[in-house]
Amino acid sequence: MSGAFSESKAKPGQFFRLRPDARCRGPGHGVLFENEQDLVAPPRLSLRPKGGGFPSLPSVPRLVHVPANGPLPEDLEGGFSGYWLVSERLKHVMQSVDPDAFAFTETDYRLADGSIGPAMFLCDVVRTVDALDEMASEVLIEVSDDFEAGKYYDLAGGAKLAFRKDALGSAHVFKLPFNGAVFCDRTFKDAVEAAGISGPDSSGGLWFSDAVSS
């Protein structure tokens, strides 16, 4: 099922899918989540609870860089028991532009020699908005009782997405209820680039893909 695509509503350069940049990076970062299993509450297999955010933690998440596993982390890395790992300067941008979109918890991040590394935080996008303009988007919409929410937005194969600004209001970063992908607007992307985190020479670990043209 797909809606009729309307260029008048869905224009390139307005909204972007945001994810960790795993393009052409080899094995990725070399950060090990040392005490993950001590923090995960059974029967969950990852630290992040189903509803998102952070559970009460018995101790601080302990991370260490292992050079044999890969390079130092960039400003955004994925794969930390359901969370992103973000630098202090990216956290500052996130909180400055859209503080209600994110939740954070501090980590004990150590370098390979055991010394304290730069401040790093686990991060979760905690805002969900039913903001997709289905009629103005080109996206496969699967409707089935097999999905917990009753339907699912399949973004594979070059979906072109338009969003209802009336539903978003002042939100700059958000998830959709029928897909777990993270999206942001031009304001957030520009703020990340203005902070020197992401640009043409280095992504800083952030991958912005246009919601319309990609």
C-alpha atoms as a PDB file:
ATOM      1  CA  MET A   1       0.000   0.000   0.000  1.00  0.00           C
ATOM      2  CA  SER A   2       1.444   3.388  -0.913  1.00  0.00           C
ATOM      3  CA  GLY A   3       0.136   6.905  -1.122  1.00  0.00           C
ATOM      4  CA  ALA A   4       0.300   9.278  -4.080  1.00  0.00           C
ATOM      5  CA  PHE A   5       3.559  11.204  -3.878  1.00  0.00           C
ATOM      6  CA  SER A   6       3.137  14.968  -3.810  1.00  0.00           C
ATOM      7  CA  GLU A   7       6.204  17.112  -4.438  1.00  0.00           C
ATOM      8  CA  SER A   8       4.287  20.066  -3.017  1.00  0.00           C
ATOM      9  CA  LYS A   9       4.276  18.396   0.400  1.00  0.00           C
ATOM     10  CA  ALA A  10       7.441  16.290   0.342  1.00  0.00           C
ATOM     11  CA  LYS A  11      10.463  18.335  -0.676  1.00  0.00           C
ATOM     12  CA  PRO A  12      14.142  17.336  -0.492  1.00  0.00           C
ATOM     13  CA  GLY A  13      16.262  18.951   2.183  1.00  0.00           C
ATOM     14  CA  GLN A  14      13.551  19.273   4.828  1.00  0.00           C
ATOM     15  CA  PHE A  15      13.706  16.007   6.774  1.00  0.00           C
ATOM     16  CA  PHE A  16      16.367  13.323   7.144  1.00  0.00           C
ATOM     17  CA  ARG A  17      16.711   9.831   8.484  1.00  0.00           C
ATOM     18  CA  LEU A  18      19.428   9.826  11.149  1.00  0.00           C
ATOM     19  CA  ARG A  19      21.485   6.750  11.982  1.00  0.00           C
ATOM     20  CA  PRO A  20      25.047   5.758  12.895  1.00  0.00           C
ATOM     21  CA  ASP A  21      27.300   5.920   9.851  1.00  0.00           C
ATOM     22  CA  ALA A  22      28.421   2.379   9.089  1.00  0.00           C
ATOM     23  CA  ARG A  23      29.434   3.114   5.487  1.00  0.00           C
ATOM     24  CA  CYS A  24      32.909   1.885   4.507  1.00  0.00           C
ATOM     25  CA  ARG A  25      34.245   1.834   8.069  1.00  0.00           C
ATOM     26  CA  GLY A  26      35.549  -1.714   8.226  1.00  0.00           C
ATOM     27  CA  PRO A  27      34.978  -3.375  11.595  1.00  0.00           C
ATOM     28  CA  GLY A  28      33.714  -0.180  13.224  1.00  0.00           C
ATOM     29  CA  HIS A  29      34.652   1.163  16.655  1.00  0.00           C
ATOM     30  CA  GLY A  30      36.674  -0.724  19.227  1.00  0.00           C
ATOM     31  CA  VAL A  31      34.587   0.089  22.310  1.00  0.00           C
ATOM     32  CA  LEU A  32      33.611  -2.848  24.536  1.00  0.00           C
ATOM     33  CA  PHE A  33      30.579  -2.637  26.852  1.00  0.00           C
ATOM     34  CA  GLU A  34      32.258  -4.418  29.754  1.00  0.00           C
ATOM     35  CA  ASN A  35      29.434  -4.723  32.288  1.00  0.00           C
ATOM     36  CA  GLU A  36      26.448  -4.993  29.949  1.00  0.00           C
ATOM     37  CA  GLN A  37      25.339  -8.387  31.289  1.00  0.00           C
ATOM     38  CA  ASP A  38      25.471  -7.103  34.858  1.00  0.00           C
ATOM     39  CA  LEU A  39      23.017  -4.328  33.975  1.00  0.00           C
ATOM     40  CA  VAL A  40      20.493  -6.222  31.832  1.00  0.00           C
ATOM     41  CA  ALA A  41      17.457  -7.415  33.796  1.00  0.00           C
ATOM     42  CA  PRO A  42      16.157 -10.838  32.653  1.00  0.00           C
ATOM     43  CA  PRO A  43      14.239 -11.781  30.606  1.00  0.00           C
ATOM     44  CA  ARG A  44      15.408  -8.825  28.470  1.00  0.00           C
ATOM     45  CA  LEU A  45      18.347  -9.516  26.190  1.00  0.00           C
ATOM     46  CA  SER A  46      19.397  -5.866  25.935  1.00  0.00           C
ATOM     47  CA  LEU A  47      19.584  -2.995  28.376  1.00  0.00           C
ATOM     48  CA  ARG A  48      17.025  -0.809  26.614  1.00  0.00           C
ATOM     49  CA  PRO A  49      13.481  -1.596  27.792  1.00  0.00           C
ATOM     50  CA  LYS A  50      10.640  -2.080  25.340  1.00  0.00           C
ATOM     51  CA  GLY A  51       9.224   1.388  25.950  1.00  0.00           C
ATOM     52  CA  GLY A  52      12.583   3.103  25.527  1.00  0.00           C
ATOM     53  CA  GLY A  53      14.464   5.364  27.888  1.00  0.00           C
ATOM     54  CA  PHE A  54      16.676   4.045  30.651  1.00  0.00           C
ATOM     55  CA  PRO A  55      15.793   1.619  33.431  1.00  0.00           C
ATOM     56  CA  SER A  56      17.098   2.026  36.954  1.00  0.00           C
ATOM     57  CA  LEU A  57      20.724   0.899  36.785  1.00  0.00           C
ATOM     58  CA  PRO A  58      22.604  -0.820  39.634  1.00  0.00           C
ATOM     59  CA  SER A  59      25.883   0.694  38.434  1.00  0.00           C
ATOM     60  CA  VAL A  60      27.304   3.016  35.797  1.00  0.00           C
ATOM     61  CA  PRO A  61      27.720   1.499  32.302  1.00  0.00           C
ATOM     62  CA  ARG A  62      31.417   0.674  31.959  1.00  0.00           C
ATOM     63  CA  LEU A  63      33.014   0.971  28.516  1.00  0.00           C
ATOM     64  CA  VAL A  64      36.610   0.458  27.419  1.00  0.00           C
ATOM     65  CA  HIS A  65      38.405   0.995  24.145  1.00  0.00           C
ATOM     66  CA  VAL A  66      40.141  -2.124  22.855  1.00  0.00           C
ATOM     67  CA  PRO A  67      42.454  -1.058  19.982  1.00  0.00           C
ATOM     68  CA  ALA A  68      42.584  -4.585  18.564  1.00  0.00           C
ATOM     69  CA  ASN A  69      38.818  -4.418  17.999  1.00  0.00           C
ATOM     70  CA  GLY A  70      38.796  -1.107  16.121  1.00  0.00           C
ATOM     71  CA  PRO A  71      39.454   2.642  16.302  1.00  0.00           C
ATOM     72  CA  LEU A  72      38.304   5.167  18.876  1.00  0.00           C
ATOM     73  CA  PRO A  73      34.591   6.016  18.753  1.00  0.00           C
ATOM     74  CA  GLU A  74      33.270   8.895  16.698  1.00  0.00           C
ATOM     75  CA  ASP A  75      30.677  11.364  17.958  1.00  0.00           C
ATOM     76  CA  LEU A  76      27.882   8.847  17.306  1.00  0.00           C
ATOM     77  CA  GLU A  77      28.150   5.071  17.446  1.00  0.00           C
ATOM     78  CA  GLY A  78      25.433   2.432  17.507  1.00  0.00           C
ATOM     79  CA  GLY A  79      25.063  -1.037  18.928  1.00  0.00           C
ATOM     80  CA  PHE A  80      25.259  -0.468  22.682  1.00  0.00           C
ATOM     81  CA  SER A  81      22.535  -2.749  24.033  1.00  0.00           C
ATOM     82  CA  GLY A  82      19.855  -0.856  22.109  1.00  0.00           C
ATOM     83  CA  TYR A  83      21.368   2.610  22.591  1.00  0.00           C
ATOM     84  CA  TRP A  84      23.596   5.045  20.763  1.00  0.00           C
ATOM     85  CA  LEU A  85      26.900   6.173  22.231  1.00  0.00           C
ATOM     86  CA  VAL A  86      27.407   9.926  21.826  1.00  0.00           C
ATOM     87  CA  SER A  87      30.173  12.396  22.595  1.00  0.00           C
ATOM     88  CA  GLU A  88      29.768  15.292  24.985  1.00  0.00           C
ATOM     89  CA  ARG A  89      29.729  17.843  22.164  1.00  0.00           C
ATOM     90  CA  LEU A  90      26.990  15.958  20.283  1.00  0.00           C
ATOM     91  CA  LYS A  91      24.997  15.626  23.511  1.00  0.00           C
ATOM     92  CA  HIS A  92      25.273  19.402  23.899  1.00  0.00           C
ATOM     93  CA  VAL A  93      23.820  19.946  20.402  1.00  0.00           C
ATOM     94  CA  MET A  94      21.015  17.464  21.071  1.00  0.00           C
ATOM     95  CA  GLN A  95      20.065  19.147  24.323  1.00  0.00           C
ATOM     96  CA  SER A  96      20.342  22.634  22.860  1.00  0.00           C
ATOM     97  CA  VAL A  97      18.162  21.969  19.818  1.00  0.00           C
ATOM     98  CA  ASP A  98      15.597  19.488  21.137  1.00  0.00           C
ATOM     99  CA  PRO A  99      16.036  18.518  24.813  1.00  0.00           C
ATOM    100  CA  ASP A 100      12.754  16.592  25.035  1.00  0.00           C
ATOM    101  CA  ALA A 101      13.701  14.222  22.208  1.00  0.00           C
ATOM    102  CA  PHE A 102      16.537  12.474  24.039  1.00  0.00           C
ATOM    103  CA  ALA A 103      17.416  10.633  27.216  1.00  0.00           C
ATOM    104  CA  PHE A 104      21.007  10.138  28.348  1.00  0.00           C
ATOM    105  CA  THR A 105      23.011   8.275  30.930  1.00  0.00           C
ATOM    106  CA  GLU A 106      26.670   8.881  31.696  1.00  0.00           C
ATOM    107  CA  THR A 107      29.222   6.119  31.188  1.00  0.00           C
ATOM    108  CA  ASP A 108      32.544   5.206  32.753  1.00  0.00           C
ATOM    109  CA  TYR A 109      34.575   5.244  29.547  1.00  0.00           C
ATOM    110  CA  ARG A 110      38.188   4.143  29.767  1.00  0.00           C
ATOM    111  CA  LEU A 111      41.007   4.139  27.257  1.00  0.00           C
ATOM    112  CA  ALA A 112      43.115   1.050  26.599  1.00  0.00           C
ATOM    113  CA  ASP A 113      45.687   2.013  29.251  1.00  0.00           C
ATOM    114  CA  GLY A 114      42.980   2.271  31.903  1.00  0.00           C
ATOM    115  CA  SER A 115      42.927   6.075  32.008  1.00  0.00           C
ATOM    116  CA  ILE A 116      39.642   7.990  31.943  1.00  0.00           C
ATOM    117  CA  GLY A 117      38.561   8.786  28.390  1.00  0.00           C
ATOM    118  CA  PRO A 118      36.545  11.759  27.123  1.00  0.00           C
ATOM    119  CA  ALA A 119      32.981  12.006  28.404  1.00  0.00           C
ATOM    120  CA  MET A 120      30.672   9.640  26.503  1.00  0.00           C
ATOM    121  CA  PHE A 121      26.963   9.021  27.038  1.00  0.00           C
ATOM    122  CA  LEU A 122      24.458   6.345  26.160  1.00  0.00           C
ATOM    123  CA  CYS A 123      21.578   8.016  24.313  1.00  0.00           C
ATOM    124  CA  ASP A 124      18.027   7.092  23.368  1.00  0.00           C
ATOM    125  CA  VAL A 125      15.530   8.963  21.190  1.00  0.00           C
ATOM    126  CA  VAL A 126      12.423   8.980  23.362  1.00  0.00           C
ATOM    127  CA  ARG A 127       9.961  11.025  21.312  1.00  0.00           C
ATOM    128  CA  THR A 128       7.495   9.198  19.044  1.00  0.00           C
ATOM    129  CA  VAL A 129       5.101  11.170  16.829  1.00  0.00           C
ATOM    130  CA  ASP A 130       2.485   9.842  14.403  1.00  0.00           C
ATOM    131  CA  ALA A 131       3.549  12.432  11.852  1.00  0.00           C
ATOM    132  CA  LEU A 132       3.911  10.608   8.530  1.00  0.00           C
ATOM    133  CA  ASP A 133       1.721  12.040   5.778  1.00  0.00           C
ATOM    134  CA  GLU A 134       0.805   8.707   4.230  1.00  0.00           C
ATOM    135  CA  MET A 135      -0.977  10.209   1.220  1.00  0.00           C
ATOM    136  CA  ALA A 136       1.993  12.389   0.342  1.00  0.00           C
ATOM    137  CA  SER A 137       4.576   9.639   0.811  1.00  0.00           C
ATOM    138  CA  GLU A 138       5.830   6.749  -1.277  1.00  0.00           C
ATOM    139  CA  VAL A 139       6.200   3.939   1.245  1.00  0.00           C
ATOM    140  CA  LEU A 140       5.041   0.371   1.630  1.00  0.00           C
ATOM    141  CA  ILE A 141       2.514   0.258   4.471  1.00  0.00           C
ATOM    142  CA  GLU A 142       1.948  -3.258   5.756  1.00  0.00           C
ATOM    143  CA  VAL A 143      -1.264  -3.756   7.729  1.00  0.00           C
ATOM    144  CA  SER A 144      -1.520  -6.925   9.815  1.00  0.00           C
ATOM    145  CA  ASP A 145      -2.411  -8.125  13.283  1.00  0.00           C
ATOM    146  CA  ASP A 146       1.065  -9.664  13.322  1.00  0.00           C
ATOM    147  CA  PHE A 147       2.424  -6.179  14.009  1.00  0.00           C
ATOM    148  CA  GLU A 148       2.054  -4.951  17.572  1.00  0.00           C
ATOM    149  CA  ALA A 149       0.791  -1.559  16.398  1.00  0.00           C
ATOM    150  CA  GLY A 150      -1.359  -3.073  13.612  1.00  0.00           C
ATOM    151  CA  LYS A 151       0.779  -1.792  10.751  1.00  0.00           C
ATOM    152  CA  TYR A 152       4.360  -1.185   9.729  1.00  0.00           C
ATOM    153  CA  TYR A 153       6.162   1.306   7.480  1.00  0.00           C
ATOM    154  CA  ASP A 154       8.644  -0.613   5.318  1.00  0.00           C
ATOM    155  CA  LEU A 155      11.385   1.881   4.449  1.00  0.00           C
ATOM    156  CA  ALA A 156      13.396  -0.473   2.253  1.00  0.00           C
ATOM    157  CA  GLY A 157      13.645   0.134  -1.475  1.00  0.00           C
ATOM    158  CA  GLY A 158      13.802   3.909  -1.591  1.00  0.00           C
ATOM    159  CA  ALA A 159      10.821   5.160   0.399  1.00  0.00           C
ATOM    160  CA  LYS A 160      10.010   8.861  -0.027  1.00  0.00           C
ATOM    161  CA  LEU A 161       8.537  10.313   3.141  1.00  0.00           C
ATOM    162  CA  ALA A 162       6.550  13.460   3.848  1.00  0.00           C
ATOM    163  CA  PHE A 163       5.744  14.607   7.380  1.00  0.00           C
ATOM    164  CA  ARG A 164       2.867  16.635   8.789  1.00  0.00           C
ATOM    165  CA  LYS A 165       4.362  19.719  10.374  1.00  0.00           C
ATOM    166  CA  ASP A 166       1.166  20.330  12.345  1.00  0.00           C
ATOM    167  CA  ALA A 167       1.724  16.991  14.095  1.00  0.00           C
ATOM    168  CA  LEU A 168       5.410  17.694  14.744  1.00  0.00           C
ATOM    169  CA  GLY A 169       4.955  21.168  16.180  1.00  0.00           C
ATOM    170  CA  SER A 170       8.295  22.265  17.630  1.00  0.00           C
ATOM    171  CA  ALA A 171       9.839  18.774  17.447  1.00  0.00           C
ATOM    172  CA  HIS A 172      13.119  18.501  15.539  1.00  0.00           C
ATOM    173  CA  VAL A 173      13.970  14.826  16.220  1.00  0.00           C
ATOM    174  CA  PHE A 174      11.462  11.970  16.438  1.00  0.00           C
ATOM    175  CA  LYS A 175      10.547   8.366  15.747  1.00  0.00           C
ATOM    176  CA  LEU A 176       7.408   7.061  14.079  1.00  0.00           C
ATOM    177  CA  PRO A 177       5.024   4.680  15.885  1.00  0.00           C
ATOM    178  CA  PHE A 178       5.036   2.236  12.970  1.00  0.00           C
ATOM    179  CA  ASN A 179       8.800   2.114  12.418  1.00  0.00           C
ATOM    180  CA  GLY A 180      11.697   2.505  14.830  1.00  0.00           C
ATOM    181  CA  ALA A 181      13.833   4.692  12.545  1.00  0.00           C
ATOM    182  CA  VAL A 182      14.932   8.122  13.792  1.00  0.00           C
ATOM    183  CA  PHE A 183      14.215  11.262  11.762  1.00  0.00           C
ATOM    184  CA  CYS A 184      15.281  14.875  12.136  1.00  0.00           C
ATOM    185  CA  ASP A 185      14.643  18.162  10.401  1.00  0.00           C
ATOM    186  CA  ARG A 186      17.010  20.619   8.743  1.00  0.00           C
ATOM    187  CA  THR A 187      17.367  22.631  11.967  1.00  0.00           C
ATOM    188  CA  PHE A 188      18.959  19.722  13.804  1.00  0.00           C
ATOM    189  CA  LYS A 189      21.194  18.737  10.884  1.00  0.00           C
ATOM    190  CA  ASP A 190      22.413  22.318  10.492  1.00  0.00           C
ATOM    191  CA  ALA A 191      23.179  22.549  14.223  1.00  0.00           C
ATOM    192  CA  VAL A 192      25.285  19.370  14.110  1.00  0.00           C
ATOM    193  CA  GLU A 193      27.242  20.711  11.145  1.00  0.00           C
ATOM    194  CA  ALA A 194      27.656  24.154  12.735  1.00  0.00           C
ATOM    195  CA  ALA A 195      29.226  22.460  15.761  1.00  0.00           C
ATOM    196  CA  GLY A 196      31.872  20.948  13.479  1.00  0.00           C
ATOM    197  CA  ILE A 197      30.706  17.398  14.138  1.00  0.00           C
ATOM    198  CA  SER A 198      29.571  16.386  10.658  1.00  0.00           C
ATOM    199  CA  GLY A 199      30.480  17.754   7.243  1.00  0.00           C
ATOM    200  CA  PRO A 200      31.810  16.919   3.778  1.00  0.00           C
ATOM    201  CA  ASP A 201      35.194  15.744   5.079  1.00  0.00           C
ATOM    202  CA  SER A 202      33.969  13.626   7.995  1.00  0.00           C
ATOM    203  CA  SER A 203      30.540  12.406   9.072  1.00  0.00           C
ATOM    204  CA  GLY A 204      31.470  12.263  12.743  1.00  0.00           C
ATOM    205  CA  GLY A 205      29.583   8.982  12.826  1.00  0.00           C
ATOM    206  CA  LEU A 206      26.237  10.524  11.796  1.00  0.00           C
ATOM    207  CA  TRP A 207      24.494   9.504   8.582  1.00  0.00           C
ATOM    208  CA  PHE A 208      21.831  11.920   7.377  1.00  0.00           C
ATOM    209  CA  SER A 209      19.859  10.520   4.425  1.00  0.00           C
ATOM    210  CA  ASP A 210      17.201  12.709   2.845  1.00  0.00           C
ATOM    211  CA  ALA A 211      13.706  11.422   3.614  1.00  0.00           C
ATOM    212  CA  VAL A 212      12.609  12.233   0.070  1.00  0.00           C
ATOM    213  CA  SER A 213      15.534  11.637  -2.238  1.00  0.00           C
ATOM    214  CA  SER A 214      16.947   8.463  -0.676  1.00  0.00           C
END
